[in-house]
Amino acid sequence: MPRSLRDKLREKGWKEDEIEHALSIMKPSEAKSGILVQRMNPALYWSALVISIIGNFLIAVALIPFLLVLSSTQLYFVIIVLAISFGAMFNLLINTIEALDPSHHIIAGVFIPALAIITIFVMVNVANRLSFVLQNPIHQNPILVSVAYVVAFIIPYAYTKLTEFMSQRKTLPTA
């Protein structure tokens, strides 16, 4: 769970009256934009999901030439770099949308990787059939390629959740 602005300011050494003053200045603008933000967040969330679905599909299609010509080591390097990059972008999108329910994070965290694994699996099979038609000796294992992509795709999200958990653990009062 993201830390509140009040907690962040306390950690930076702000005094309580300074925090109250800063928050009171910000509240009028929050009240005005509150309705707009509440209406925009679901639209932003679903737009981010659609962009992620399209992005995963485009990455899977773009991988076909790599699947046909690269050795396993080279291919997995390319897949991991692409997946971590796209996963970081997706993580940034989801985490910067304000006021998402935990259920939205769960949906995004399960739905997008599941769809990615299916898409990559299908594209590897397409590449293997194309390789057979072209009489190319390089064939890839669809399961390993799909799992490598999804694991690398999830790394940025898992890292963010782990750092949030560790920072919450540090700020909890000891008994």
N, C-alpha and C. Protein backbone atom coordinates (compact mmCIF):
# COMPACT_ATOMS: atom_id res chain seq x y z
N MET A 1 0.85 -1.17 0.00
CA MET A 1 0.00 0.00 0.00
C MET A 1 0.90 1.24 0.00
N PRO A 2 0.62 2.22 -0.87
CA PRO A 2 1.46 3.40 -0.93
C PRO A 2 1.39 4.21 0.36
N ARG A 3 2.54 4.80 0.70
CA ARG A 3 2.58 5.63 1.90
C ARG A 3 1.86 6.94 1.63
N SER A 4 1.31 7.53 2.67
CA SER A 4 0.60 8.80 2.51
C SER A 4 1.62 9.93 2.42
N LEU A 5 1.17 11.04 1.90
CA LEU A 5 2.02 12.22 1.80
C LEU A 5 2.46 12.67 3.18
N ARG A 6 1.57 12.58 4.14
CA ARG A 6 1.88 12.96 5.52
C ARG A 6 3.07 12.14 6.05
N ASP A 7 3.04 10.84 5.80
CA ASP A 7 4.13 9.96 6.25
C ASP A 7 5.44 10.31 5.56
N LYS A 8 5.36 10.58 4.27
CA LYS A 8 6.57 10.93 3.52
C LYS A 8 7.19 12.22 4.05
N LEU A 9 6.33 13.20 4.34
CA LEU A 9 6.85 14.48 4.85
C LEU A 9 7.45 14.32 6.25
N ARG A 10 6.82 13.48 7.08
CA ARG A 10 7.38 13.20 8.41
C ARG A 10 8.77 12.58 8.29
N GLU A 11 8.91 11.63 7.38
CA GLU A 11 10.20 10.98 7.18
C GLU A 11 11.27 11.96 6.74
N LYS A 12 10.87 13.01 6.03
CA LYS A 12 11.83 14.02 5.57
C LYS A 12 12.13 15.07 6.62
N GLY A 13 11.53 14.91 7.79
CA GLY A 13 11.84 15.80 8.90
C GLY A 13 10.95 17.04 9.02
N TRP A 14 9.84 17.06 8.36
CA TRP A 14 8.94 18.21 8.46
C TRP A 14 8.27 18.19 9.83
N LYS A 15 8.01 19.38 10.34
CA LYS A 15 7.28 19.50 11.60
C LYS A 15 5.79 19.35 11.32
N GLU A 16 5.04 18.98 12.36
CA GLU A 16 3.61 18.70 12.20
C GLU A 16 2.84 19.92 11.68
N ASP A 17 3.18 21.12 12.16
CA ASP A 17 2.46 22.31 11.70
C ASP A 17 2.79 22.62 10.23
N GLU A 18 4.01 22.34 9.80
CA GLU A 18 4.37 22.53 8.40
C GLU A 18 3.61 21.55 7.51
N ILE A 19 3.46 20.33 8.00
CA ILE A 19 2.73 19.32 7.25
C ILE A 19 1.27 19.73 7.10
N GLU A 20 0.67 20.17 8.21
CA GLU A 20 -0.73 20.61 8.17
C GLU A 20 -0.93 21.77 7.21
N HIS A 21 0.01 22.73 7.25
CA HIS A 21 -0.08 23.88 6.36
C HIS A 21 0.00 23.44 4.89
N ALA A 22 0.95 22.59 4.58
CA ALA A 22 1.11 22.11 3.20
C ALA A 22 -0.13 21.35 2.75
N LEU A 23 -0.65 20.49 3.62
CA LEU A 23 -1.84 19.72 3.26
C LEU A 23 -3.07 20.60 3.10
N SER A 24 -3.18 21.65 3.93
CA SER A 24 -4.34 22.54 3.83
C SER A 24 -4.30 23.34 2.52
N ILE A 25 -3.09 23.65 2.06
CA ILE A 25 -2.96 24.35 0.78
C ILE A 25 -3.40 23.45 -0.37
N MET A 26 -3.09 22.18 -0.25
CA MET A 26 -3.39 21.24 -1.33
C MET A 26 -4.85 20.79 -1.35
N LYS A 27 -5.55 20.84 -0.23
CA LYS A 27 -6.91 20.31 -0.17
C LYS A 27 -7.89 21.00 -1.11
N PRO A 28 -7.89 22.33 -1.24
CA PRO A 28 -8.86 22.93 -2.16
C PRO A 28 -8.73 22.39 -3.59
N SER A 29 -7.51 22.23 -4.07
CA SER A 29 -7.36 21.73 -5.43
C SER A 29 -7.79 20.27 -5.52
N GLU A 30 -7.57 19.49 -4.46
CA GLU A 30 -8.02 18.10 -4.45
C GLU A 30 -9.54 18.03 -4.50
N ALA A 31 -10.21 18.92 -3.79
CA ALA A 31 -11.68 18.90 -3.77
C ALA A 31 -12.23 19.22 -5.15
N LYS A 32 -11.62 20.17 -5.85
CA LYS A 32 -12.08 20.53 -7.18
C LYS A 32 -11.85 19.41 -8.18
N SER A 33 -10.69 18.79 -8.08
CA SER A 33 -10.36 17.77 -9.07
C SER A 33 -10.80 16.37 -8.63
N GLY A 34 -11.34 16.24 -7.44
CA GLY A 34 -11.71 14.92 -6.92
C GLY A 34 -12.67 14.16 -7.80
N ILE A 35 -13.70 14.83 -8.27
CA ILE A 35 -14.70 14.17 -9.12
C ILE A 35 -14.07 13.78 -10.45
N LEU A 36 -13.28 14.67 -11.02
CA LEU A 36 -12.62 14.37 -12.28
C LEU A 36 -11.66 13.20 -12.12
N VAL A 37 -10.88 13.19 -11.05
CA VAL A 37 -9.92 12.12 -10.81
C VAL A 37 -10.66 10.80 -10.62
N GLN A 38 -11.75 10.81 -9.88
CA GLN A 38 -12.51 9.59 -9.67
C GLN A 38 -13.08 9.05 -10.98
N ARG A 39 -13.47 9.95 -11.87
CA ARG A 39 -14.01 9.51 -13.15
C ARG A 39 -12.90 9.08 -14.11
N MET A 40 -11.74 9.73 -14.03
CA MET A 40 -10.65 9.44 -14.95
C MET A 40 -9.91 8.16 -14.60
N ASN A 41 -9.77 7.86 -13.30
CA ASN A 41 -8.97 6.70 -12.92
C ASN A 41 -9.44 5.39 -13.54
N PRO A 42 -10.74 5.09 -13.52
CA PRO A 42 -11.15 3.85 -14.20
C PRO A 42 -10.84 3.87 -15.70
N ALA A 43 -11.03 5.02 -16.33
CA ALA A 43 -10.72 5.12 -17.76
C ALA A 43 -9.23 4.94 -18.00
N LEU A 44 -8.41 5.54 -17.15
CA LEU A 44 -6.96 5.37 -17.28
C LEU A 44 -6.56 3.92 -17.04
N TYR A 45 -7.17 3.31 -16.05
CA TYR A 45 -6.85 1.93 -15.72
C TYR A 45 -7.16 1.00 -16.89
N TRP A 46 -8.37 1.11 -17.43
CA TRP A 46 -8.76 0.24 -18.53
C TRP A 46 -7.97 0.56 -19.79
N SER A 47 -7.64 1.83 -19.98
CA SER A 47 -6.79 2.20 -21.12
C SER A 47 -5.41 1.58 -20.97
N ALA A 48 -4.86 1.60 -19.76
CA ALA A 48 -3.56 0.98 -19.51
C ALA A 48 -3.61 -0.52 -19.78
N LEU A 49 -4.70 -1.16 -19.40
CA LEU A 49 -4.84 -2.59 -19.68
C LEU A 49 -4.90 -2.87 -21.18
N VAL A 50 -5.66 -2.06 -21.90
CA VAL A 50 -5.77 -2.25 -23.35
C VAL A 50 -4.41 -2.00 -24.01
N ILE A 51 -3.71 -0.96 -23.58
CA ILE A 51 -2.38 -0.68 -24.12
C ILE A 51 -1.44 -1.84 -23.82
N SER A 52 -1.53 -2.40 -22.64
CA SER A 52 -0.68 -3.54 -22.28
C SER A 52 -0.99 -4.76 -23.12
N ILE A 53 -2.26 -5.00 -23.38
CA ILE A 53 -2.64 -6.14 -24.22
C ILE A 53 -2.10 -5.96 -25.63
N ILE A 54 -2.30 -4.77 -26.18
CA ILE A 54 -1.80 -4.49 -27.53
C ILE A 54 -0.28 -4.55 -27.56
N GLY A 55 0.36 -3.97 -26.53
CA GLY A 55 1.82 -3.99 -26.46
C GLY A 55 2.38 -5.40 -26.38
N ASN A 56 1.77 -6.25 -25.56
CA ASN A 56 2.22 -7.64 -25.47
C ASN A 56 2.06 -8.35 -26.81
N PHE A 57 0.97 -8.09 -27.50
CA PHE A 57 0.75 -8.71 -28.80
C PHE A 57 1.81 -8.23 -29.80
N LEU A 58 2.09 -6.93 -29.82
CA LEU A 58 3.09 -6.39 -30.74
C LEU A 58 4.48 -6.94 -30.44
N ILE A 59 4.80 -7.08 -29.17
CA ILE A 59 6.09 -7.67 -28.80
C ILE A 59 6.17 -9.11 -29.26
N ALA A 60 5.09 -9.85 -29.08
CA ALA A 60 5.07 -11.25 -29.52
C ALA A 60 5.26 -11.36 -31.03
N VAL A 61 4.61 -10.50 -31.78
CA VAL A 61 4.76 -10.51 -33.24
C VAL A 61 6.19 -10.10 -33.62
N ALA A 62 6.73 -9.09 -32.94
CA ALA A 62 8.08 -8.63 -33.23
C ALA A 62 9.13 -9.68 -32.89
N LEU A 63 8.80 -10.60 -32.02
CA LEU A 63 9.75 -11.66 -31.65
C LEU A 63 9.91 -12.74 -32.71
N ILE A 64 8.98 -12.83 -33.64
CA ILE A 64 9.02 -13.91 -34.64
C ILE A 64 10.35 -13.95 -35.40
N PRO A 65 10.84 -12.84 -35.95
CA PRO A 65 12.13 -12.93 -36.65
C PRO A 65 13.28 -13.37 -35.72
N PHE A 66 13.24 -12.91 -34.48
CA PHE A 66 14.28 -13.32 -33.52
C PHE A 66 14.19 -14.81 -33.23
N LEU A 67 12.97 -15.32 -33.15
CA LEU A 67 12.77 -16.75 -32.89
C LEU A 67 13.31 -17.60 -34.03
N LEU A 68 13.33 -17.04 -35.23
CA LEU A 68 13.78 -17.79 -36.39
C LEU A 68 15.29 -17.80 -36.58
N VAL A 69 15.99 -16.80 -36.05
CA VAL A 69 17.42 -16.69 -36.36
C VAL A 69 18.36 -16.76 -35.17
N LEU A 70 17.88 -16.49 -33.97
CA LEU A 70 18.79 -16.43 -32.82
C LEU A 70 18.93 -17.77 -32.12
N SER A 71 20.12 -17.99 -31.58
CA SER A 71 20.32 -19.17 -30.74
C SER A 71 19.59 -18.96 -29.43
N SER A 72 19.48 -20.01 -28.64
CA SER A 72 18.71 -19.93 -27.40
C SER A 72 19.23 -18.85 -26.46
N THR A 73 20.54 -18.77 -26.26
CA THR A 73 21.11 -17.79 -25.34
C THR A 73 20.80 -16.37 -25.80
N GLN A 74 21.02 -16.10 -27.07
CA GLN A 74 20.75 -14.77 -27.61
C GLN A 74 19.26 -14.44 -27.52
N LEU A 75 18.44 -15.42 -27.84
CA LEU A 75 16.99 -15.22 -27.82
C LEU A 75 16.50 -14.89 -26.41
N TYR A 76 16.97 -15.64 -25.42
CA TYR A 76 16.52 -15.39 -24.06
C TYR A 76 17.00 -14.04 -23.55
N PHE A 77 18.16 -13.60 -23.99
CA PHE A 77 18.63 -12.27 -23.62
C PHE A 77 17.69 -11.21 -24.18
N VAL A 78 17.35 -11.32 -25.46
CA VAL A 78 16.43 -10.36 -26.10
C VAL A 78 15.07 -10.39 -25.41
N ILE A 79 14.57 -11.59 -25.13
CA ILE A 79 13.25 -11.73 -24.49
C ILE A 79 13.26 -11.09 -23.11
N ILE A 80 14.30 -11.35 -22.34
CA ILE A 80 14.37 -10.81 -20.97
C ILE A 80 14.45 -9.29 -21.00
N VAL A 81 15.26 -8.73 -21.90
CA VAL A 81 15.38 -7.26 -21.99
C VAL A 81 14.03 -6.65 -22.40
N LEU A 82 13.39 -7.21 -23.41
CA LEU A 82 12.08 -6.70 -23.84
C LEU A 82 11.03 -6.82 -22.73
N ALA A 83 10.99 -7.97 -22.09
CA ALA A 83 9.97 -8.21 -21.06
C ALA A 83 10.18 -7.31 -19.85
N ILE A 84 11.41 -7.15 -19.39
CA ILE A 84 11.66 -6.27 -18.25
C ILE A 84 11.32 -4.83 -18.61
N SER A 85 11.69 -4.41 -19.82
CA SER A 85 11.37 -3.04 -20.25
C SER A 85 9.87 -2.80 -20.31
N PHE A 86 9.15 -3.72 -20.94
CA PHE A 86 7.71 -3.55 -21.05
C PHE A 86 7.04 -3.72 -19.69
N GLY A 87 7.55 -4.63 -18.88
CA GLY A 87 7.02 -4.82 -17.53
C GLY A 87 7.21 -3.57 -16.68
N ALA A 88 8.36 -2.90 -16.84
CA ALA A 88 8.61 -1.66 -16.08
C ALA A 88 7.65 -0.56 -16.53
N MET A 89 7.41 -0.48 -17.83
CA MET A 89 6.46 0.53 -18.33
C MET A 89 5.05 0.25 -17.80
N PHE A 90 4.64 -1.01 -17.85
CA PHE A 90 3.33 -1.39 -17.36
C PHE A 90 3.22 -1.12 -15.86
N ASN A 91 4.26 -1.45 -15.10
CA ASN A 91 4.29 -1.22 -13.67
C ASN A 91 4.16 0.27 -13.36
N LEU A 92 4.87 1.09 -14.11
CA LEU A 92 4.80 2.54 -13.92
C LEU A 92 3.39 3.04 -14.22
N LEU A 93 2.79 2.55 -15.28
CA LEU A 93 1.43 2.95 -15.63
C LEU A 93 0.44 2.61 -14.51
N ILE A 94 0.49 1.39 -14.05
CA ILE A 94 -0.46 0.93 -13.03
C ILE A 94 -0.23 1.63 -11.70
N ASN A 95 1.02 1.81 -11.32
CA ASN A 95 1.30 2.41 -10.01
C ASN A 95 1.12 3.91 -9.97
N THR A 96 1.11 4.59 -11.12
CA THR A 96 0.92 6.04 -11.10
C THR A 96 -0.55 6.44 -11.20
N ILE A 97 -1.41 5.50 -11.54
CA ILE A 97 -2.84 5.82 -11.54
C ILE A 97 -3.30 5.86 -10.09
N GLU A 98 -3.80 7.02 -9.69
CA GLU A 98 -4.20 7.21 -8.29
C GLU A 98 -5.45 6.40 -7.95
N ALA A 99 -5.56 6.07 -6.69
CA ALA A 99 -6.77 5.50 -6.10
C ALA A 99 -7.24 4.20 -6.75
N LEU A 100 -6.30 3.34 -7.12
CA LEU A 100 -6.70 2.03 -7.62
C LEU A 100 -6.98 1.12 -6.44
N ASP A 101 -8.04 0.39 -6.54
CA ASP A 101 -8.34 -0.61 -5.52
C ASP A 101 -7.32 -1.74 -5.61
N PRO A 102 -7.10 -2.44 -4.50
CA PRO A 102 -6.21 -3.61 -4.57
C PRO A 102 -6.70 -4.64 -5.58
N SER A 103 -8.02 -4.72 -5.78
CA SER A 103 -8.54 -5.68 -6.76
C SER A 103 -8.08 -5.34 -8.17
N HIS A 104 -7.94 -4.04 -8.48
CA HIS A 104 -7.44 -3.65 -9.79
C HIS A 104 -6.00 -4.10 -9.98
N HIS A 105 -5.19 -3.98 -8.92
CA HIS A 105 -3.80 -4.43 -9.01
C HIS A 105 -3.75 -5.94 -9.22
N ILE A 106 -4.63 -6.66 -8.56
CA ILE A 106 -4.66 -8.12 -8.70
C ILE A 106 -5.08 -8.49 -10.12
N ILE A 107 -6.11 -7.83 -10.63
CA ILE A 107 -6.56 -8.11 -11.99
C ILE A 107 -5.43 -7.86 -12.98
N ALA A 108 -4.79 -6.70 -12.84
CA ALA A 108 -3.69 -6.36 -13.76
C ALA A 108 -2.51 -7.31 -13.57
N GLY A 109 -2.23 -7.67 -12.33
CA GLY A 109 -1.09 -8.53 -12.04
C GLY A 109 -1.28 -9.98 -12.47
N VAL A 110 -2.51 -10.40 -12.66
CA VAL A 110 -2.79 -11.78 -13.08
C VAL A 110 -3.19 -11.82 -14.56
N PHE A 111 -4.08 -10.92 -14.95
CA PHE A 111 -4.64 -10.95 -16.30
C PHE A 111 -3.59 -10.69 -17.38
N ILE A 112 -2.81 -9.64 -17.22
CA ILE A 112 -1.83 -9.27 -18.25
C ILE A 112 -0.75 -10.35 -18.39
N PRO A 113 -0.14 -10.85 -17.31
CA PRO A 113 0.84 -11.93 -17.50
C PRO A 113 0.23 -13.20 -18.10
N ALA A 114 -1.00 -13.54 -17.70
CA ALA A 114 -1.64 -14.72 -18.26
C ALA A 114 -1.86 -14.55 -19.76
N LEU A 115 -2.32 -13.37 -20.14
CA LEU A 115 -2.52 -13.10 -21.56
C LEU A 115 -1.19 -13.08 -22.30
N ALA A 116 -0.15 -12.56 -21.66
CA ALA A 116 1.18 -12.52 -22.28
C ALA A 116 1.71 -13.92 -22.52
N ILE A 117 1.54 -14.79 -21.54
CA ILE A 117 2.05 -16.16 -21.69
C ILE A 117 1.34 -16.88 -22.84
N ILE A 118 0.05 -16.64 -22.99
CA ILE A 118 -0.71 -17.26 -24.08
C ILE A 118 -0.25 -16.69 -25.42
N THR A 119 -0.11 -15.38 -25.49
CA THR A 119 0.28 -14.72 -26.74
C THR A 119 1.68 -15.17 -27.18
N ILE A 120 2.62 -15.17 -26.26
CA ILE A 120 3.99 -15.57 -26.59
C ILE A 120 4.00 -17.04 -27.00
N PHE A 121 3.26 -17.88 -26.29
CA PHE A 121 3.18 -19.31 -26.62
C PHE A 121 2.69 -19.50 -28.05
N VAL A 122 1.63 -18.80 -28.42
CA VAL A 122 1.08 -18.91 -29.77
C VAL A 122 2.09 -18.43 -30.81
N MET A 123 2.75 -17.31 -30.54
CA MET A 123 3.70 -16.77 -31.50
C MET A 123 4.92 -17.67 -31.67
N VAL A 124 5.36 -18.31 -30.61
CA VAL A 124 6.49 -19.25 -30.73
C VAL A 124 6.06 -20.44 -31.59
N ASN A 125 4.85 -20.92 -31.41
CA ASN A 125 4.35 -22.00 -32.26
C ASN A 125 4.25 -21.57 -33.72
N VAL A 126 3.80 -20.33 -33.95
CA VAL A 126 3.74 -19.80 -35.32
C VAL A 126 5.16 -19.74 -35.91
N ALA A 127 6.11 -19.25 -35.12
CA ALA A 127 7.49 -19.15 -35.59
C ALA A 127 8.07 -20.54 -35.87
N ASN A 128 7.74 -21.52 -35.03
CA ASN A 128 8.23 -22.88 -35.26
C ASN A 128 7.64 -23.47 -36.55
N ARG A 129 6.38 -23.21 -36.82
CA ARG A 129 5.77 -23.69 -38.08
C ARG A 129 6.39 -22.99 -39.28
N LEU A 130 6.61 -21.69 -39.13
CA LEU A 130 7.26 -20.94 -40.20
C LEU A 130 8.68 -21.46 -40.42
N SER A 131 9.35 -21.77 -39.35
CA SER A 131 10.70 -22.33 -39.43
C SER A 131 10.70 -23.67 -40.16
N PHE A 132 9.68 -24.47 -39.89
CA PHE A 132 9.55 -25.76 -40.57
C PHE A 132 9.32 -25.56 -42.07
N VAL A 133 8.45 -24.61 -42.43
CA VAL A 133 8.16 -24.33 -43.83
C VAL A 133 9.41 -23.82 -44.54
N LEU A 134 10.18 -22.98 -43.86
CA LEU A 134 11.40 -22.42 -44.43
C LEU A 134 12.59 -23.39 -44.35
N GLN A 135 12.36 -24.55 -43.76
CA GLN A 135 13.39 -25.56 -43.54
C GLN A 135 14.56 -24.99 -42.74
N ASN A 136 14.21 -24.21 -41.74
CA ASN A 136 15.18 -23.61 -40.83
C ASN A 136 15.39 -24.59 -39.66
N PRO A 137 16.63 -24.86 -39.30
CA PRO A 137 16.86 -25.83 -38.23
C PRO A 137 16.57 -25.31 -36.82
N ILE A 138 16.34 -24.02 -36.68
CA ILE A 138 16.13 -23.44 -35.34
C ILE A 138 14.65 -23.55 -34.96
N HIS A 139 14.40 -24.25 -33.86
CA HIS A 139 13.06 -24.37 -33.29
C HIS A 139 13.17 -24.05 -31.81
N GLN A 140 12.20 -23.32 -31.28
CA GLN A 140 12.22 -22.91 -29.88
C GLN A 140 11.15 -23.66 -29.10
N ASN A 141 11.39 -23.80 -27.82
CA ASN A 141 10.42 -24.43 -26.92
C ASN A 141 9.41 -23.37 -26.50
N PRO A 142 8.14 -23.48 -26.90
CA PRO A 142 7.16 -22.44 -26.59
C PRO A 142 6.93 -22.24 -25.10
N ILE A 143 7.00 -23.31 -24.34
CA ILE A 143 6.77 -23.19 -22.90
C ILE A 143 7.90 -22.42 -22.23
N LEU A 144 9.14 -22.77 -22.55
CA LEU A 144 10.28 -22.08 -21.93
C LEU A 144 10.34 -20.60 -22.32
N VAL A 145 10.09 -20.32 -23.59
CA VAL A 145 10.12 -18.93 -24.05
C VAL A 145 9.01 -18.14 -23.36
N SER A 146 7.82 -18.71 -23.27
CA SER A 146 6.68 -18.02 -22.63
C SER A 146 6.95 -17.76 -21.16
N VAL A 147 7.45 -18.77 -20.47
CA VAL A 147 7.73 -18.62 -19.04
C VAL A 147 8.84 -17.59 -18.82
N ALA A 148 9.88 -17.62 -19.65
CA ALA A 148 10.97 -16.64 -19.52
C ALA A 148 10.43 -15.22 -19.70
N TYR A 149 9.57 -15.03 -20.69
CA TYR A 149 9.00 -13.70 -20.93
C TYR A 149 8.16 -13.24 -19.74
N VAL A 150 7.28 -14.09 -19.27
CA VAL A 150 6.38 -13.68 -18.19
C VAL A 150 7.13 -13.45 -16.88
N VAL A 151 8.09 -14.29 -16.58
CA VAL A 151 8.87 -14.09 -15.35
C VAL A 151 9.60 -12.75 -15.42
N ALA A 152 10.23 -12.47 -16.56
CA ALA A 152 10.93 -11.19 -16.71
C ALA A 152 9.94 -10.02 -16.71
N PHE A 153 8.77 -10.21 -17.27
CA PHE A 153 7.74 -9.16 -17.29
C PHE A 153 7.28 -8.81 -15.88
N ILE A 154 7.21 -9.80 -15.00
CA ILE A 154 6.71 -9.60 -13.64
C ILE A 154 7.77 -9.01 -12.71
N ILE A 155 9.03 -9.11 -13.06
CA ILE A 155 10.12 -8.65 -12.18
C ILE A 155 9.94 -7.20 -11.71
N PRO A 156 9.66 -6.22 -12.58
CA PRO A 156 9.49 -4.84 -12.08
C PRO A 156 8.34 -4.70 -11.08
N TYR A 157 7.22 -5.37 -11.34
CA TYR A 157 6.06 -5.31 -10.45
C TYR A 157 6.40 -5.95 -9.10
N ALA A 158 7.06 -7.11 -9.14
CA ALA A 158 7.45 -7.79 -7.91
C ALA A 158 8.45 -6.96 -7.12
N TYR A 159 9.38 -6.32 -7.82
CA TYR A 159 10.36 -5.46 -7.14
C TYR A 159 9.67 -4.29 -6.44
N THR A 160 8.70 -3.67 -7.13
CA THR A 160 7.96 -2.55 -6.53
C THR A 160 7.21 -3.00 -5.29
N LYS A 161 6.52 -4.12 -5.39
CA LYS A 161 5.75 -4.63 -4.25
C LYS A 161 6.68 -5.01 -3.09
N LEU A 162 7.83 -5.59 -3.40
CA LEU A 162 8.79 -5.96 -2.35
C LEU A 162 9.34 -4.72 -1.66
N THR A 163 9.68 -3.68 -2.41
CA THR A 163 10.20 -2.46 -1.79
C THR A 163 9.12 -1.76 -0.96
N GLU A 164 7.87 -1.78 -1.44
CA GLU A 164 6.77 -1.21 -0.65
C GLU A 164 6.61 -1.98 0.66
N PHE A 165 6.66 -3.30 0.58
CA PHE A 165 6.52 -4.13 1.77
C PHE A 165 7.66 -3.85 2.75
N MET A 166 8.87 -3.76 2.25
CA MET A 166 10.03 -3.52 3.11
C MET A 166 9.96 -2.12 3.75
N SER A 167 9.50 -1.12 3.00
CA SER A 167 9.41 0.22 3.57
C SER A 167 8.30 0.30 4.62
N GLN A 168 7.21 -0.43 4.42
CA GLN A 168 6.15 -0.49 5.43
C GLN A 168 6.64 -1.18 6.68
N ARG A 169 7.41 -2.21 6.47
CA ARG A 169 7.93 -2.97 7.61
C ARG A 169 8.86 -2.11 8.46
N LYS A 170 9.65 -1.24 7.80
CA LYS A 170 10.56 -0.36 8.52
C LYS A 170 9.81 0.70 9.32
N THR A 171 8.67 1.16 8.79
CA THR A 171 7.92 2.24 9.45
C THR A 171 6.96 1.74 10.52
N LEU A 172 6.76 0.42 10.62
CA LEU A 172 5.87 -0.10 11.66
C LEU A 172 6.52 0.07 13.03
N PRO A 173 5.75 0.50 14.01
CA PRO A 173 6.30 0.65 15.35
C PRO A 173 6.58 -0.73 15.97
N THR A 174 7.68 -0.82 16.65
CA THR A 174 8.02 -2.08 17.31
C THR A 174 7.36 -2.14 18.67
N ALA A 175 6.93 -3.32 19.06
CA ALA A 175 6.21 -3.49 20.32
C ALA A 175 7.15 -3.65 21.48
